[in-house]
Amino acid sequence: MADTNSSDLNAHKKTYASFLKLLKWSTIALAVLMVFLYVVINP
């Protein structure tokens, strides 16, 4: 079985948390963009 390094695990957790934050804000930005485009295109 592979030897797990705690600092390596902490780096993975930090990277995953950053990924989730980026995913959340990207989804919010896309939703706002879709609403904006709907308002602009459909008078």
N, C-alpha and C. Protein backbone atom coordinates (compact mmCIF):
# COMPACT_ATOMS: atom_id res chain seq x y z
N MET A 1 0.84 -1.17 0.00
CA MET A 1 0.00 0.00 0.00
C MET A 1 0.89 1.25 0.00
N ALA A 2 0.40 2.30 -0.63
CA ALA A 2 1.20 3.52 -0.75
C ALA A 2 1.31 4.24 0.59
N ASP A 3 2.47 4.84 0.81
CA ASP A 3 2.69 5.61 2.03
C ASP A 3 2.11 7.01 1.82
N THR A 4 1.21 7.43 2.71
CA THR A 4 0.55 8.73 2.59
C THR A 4 1.30 9.77 3.40
N ASN A 5 1.71 10.84 2.73
CA ASN A 5 2.41 11.94 3.38
C ASN A 5 1.37 12.98 3.77
N SER A 6 1.37 13.44 5.02
CA SER A 6 0.34 14.37 5.49
C SER A 6 0.42 15.72 4.80
N SER A 7 1.63 16.18 4.49
CA SER A 7 1.73 17.47 3.78
C SER A 7 1.20 17.35 2.36
N ASP A 8 1.41 16.18 1.76
CA ASP A 8 0.87 15.93 0.42
C ASP A 8 -0.65 15.91 0.46
N LEU A 9 -1.21 15.30 1.49
CA LEU A 9 -2.65 15.24 1.64
C LEU A 9 -3.22 16.64 1.87
N ASN A 10 -2.54 17.45 2.66
CA ASN A 10 -2.99 18.82 2.88
C ASN A 10 -2.95 19.63 1.59
N ALA A 11 -1.96 19.41 0.76
CA ALA A 11 -1.87 20.10 -0.53
C ALA A 11 -3.03 19.68 -1.43
N HIS A 12 -3.37 18.41 -1.41
CA HIS A 12 -4.51 17.93 -2.20
C HIS A 12 -5.81 18.55 -1.73
N LYS A 13 -5.99 18.62 -0.42
CA LYS A 13 -7.21 19.21 0.13
C LYS A 13 -7.32 20.68 -0.23
N LYS A 14 -6.19 21.41 -0.17
CA LYS A 14 -6.18 22.83 -0.51
C LYS A 14 -6.49 23.02 -2.00
N THR A 15 -5.92 22.18 -2.84
CA THR A 15 -6.18 22.26 -4.27
C THR A 15 -7.64 21.96 -4.58
N TYR A 16 -8.19 20.96 -3.93
CA TYR A 16 -9.59 20.59 -4.15
C TYR A 16 -10.53 21.71 -3.68
N ALA A 17 -10.21 22.33 -2.56
CA ALA A 17 -11.03 23.44 -2.07
C ALA A 17 -10.98 24.61 -3.05
N SER A 18 -9.81 24.89 -3.60
CA SER A 18 -9.69 25.95 -4.59
C SER A 18 -10.47 25.61 -5.85
N PHE A 19 -10.43 24.36 -6.26
CA PHE A 19 -11.18 23.92 -7.43
C PHE A 19 -12.68 24.10 -7.21
N LEU A 20 -13.17 23.74 -6.04
CA LEU A 20 -14.60 23.90 -5.75
C LEU A 20 -15.00 25.36 -5.73
N LYS A 21 -14.14 26.23 -5.20
CA LYS A 21 -14.42 27.66 -5.18
C LYS A 21 -14.49 28.20 -6.61
N LEU A 22 -13.54 27.81 -7.45
CA LEU A 22 -13.53 28.23 -8.84
C LEU A 22 -14.77 27.72 -9.57
N LEU A 23 -15.16 26.49 -9.33
CA LEU A 23 -16.35 25.92 -9.95
C LEU A 23 -17.60 26.67 -9.53
N LYS A 24 -17.71 27.02 -8.26
CA LYS A 24 -18.87 27.75 -7.75
C LYS A 24 -18.98 29.12 -8.42
N TRP A 25 -17.89 29.87 -8.44
CA TRP A 25 -17.93 31.22 -9.01
C TRP A 25 -18.09 31.19 -10.53
N SER A 26 -17.57 30.17 -11.18
CA SER A 26 -17.78 30.04 -12.63
C SER A 26 -19.24 29.77 -12.94
N THR A 27 -19.87 28.93 -12.13
CA THR A 27 -21.29 28.63 -12.33
C THR A 27 -22.14 29.88 -12.10
N ILE A 28 -21.83 30.64 -11.08
CA ILE A 28 -22.57 31.88 -10.81
C ILE A 28 -22.37 32.87 -11.96
N ALA A 29 -21.14 33.01 -12.44
CA ALA A 29 -20.86 33.94 -13.54
C ALA A 29 -21.59 33.52 -14.80
N LEU A 30 -21.64 32.23 -15.09
CA LEU A 30 -22.36 31.76 -16.27
C LEU A 30 -23.86 32.00 -16.14
N ALA A 31 -24.41 31.80 -14.96
CA ALA A 31 -25.83 32.05 -14.75
C ALA A 31 -26.15 33.53 -14.95
N VAL A 32 -25.31 34.42 -14.42
CA VAL A 32 -25.52 35.86 -14.60
C VAL A 32 -25.40 36.22 -16.08
N LEU A 33 -24.44 35.64 -16.77
CA LEU A 33 -24.27 35.89 -18.20
C LEU A 33 -25.50 35.43 -18.98
N MET A 34 -26.04 34.28 -18.66
CA MET A 34 -27.22 33.78 -19.34
C MET A 34 -28.42 34.70 -19.12
N VAL A 35 -28.61 35.18 -17.91
CA VAL A 35 -29.72 36.11 -17.63
C VAL A 35 -29.50 37.41 -18.39
N PHE A 36 -28.27 37.92 -18.40
CA PHE A 36 -27.97 39.15 -19.13
C PHE A 36 -28.25 38.99 -20.62
N LEU A 37 -27.81 37.88 -21.21
CA LEU A 37 -28.05 37.65 -22.63
C LEU A 37 -29.54 37.50 -22.92
N TYR A 38 -30.27 36.86 -22.04
CA TYR A 38 -31.72 36.72 -22.23
C TYR A 38 -32.40 38.09 -22.24
N VAL A 39 -31.99 38.95 -21.33
CA VAL A 39 -32.60 40.30 -21.24
C VAL A 39 -32.23 41.11 -22.48
N VAL A 40 -31.01 41.01 -22.95
CA VAL A 40 -30.57 41.80 -24.10
C VAL A 40 -31.21 41.30 -25.40
N ILE A 41 -31.29 40.00 -25.59
CA ILE A 41 -31.78 39.44 -26.84
C ILE A 41 -33.31 39.48 -26.92
N ASN A 42 -34.00 39.27 -25.83
CA ASN A 42 -35.46 39.28 -25.83
C ASN A 42 -35.97 40.60 -25.24
N PRO A 43 -36.29 41.56 -26.13
CA PRO A 43 -36.74 42.87 -25.61
C PRO A 43 -38.13 42.79 -24.99
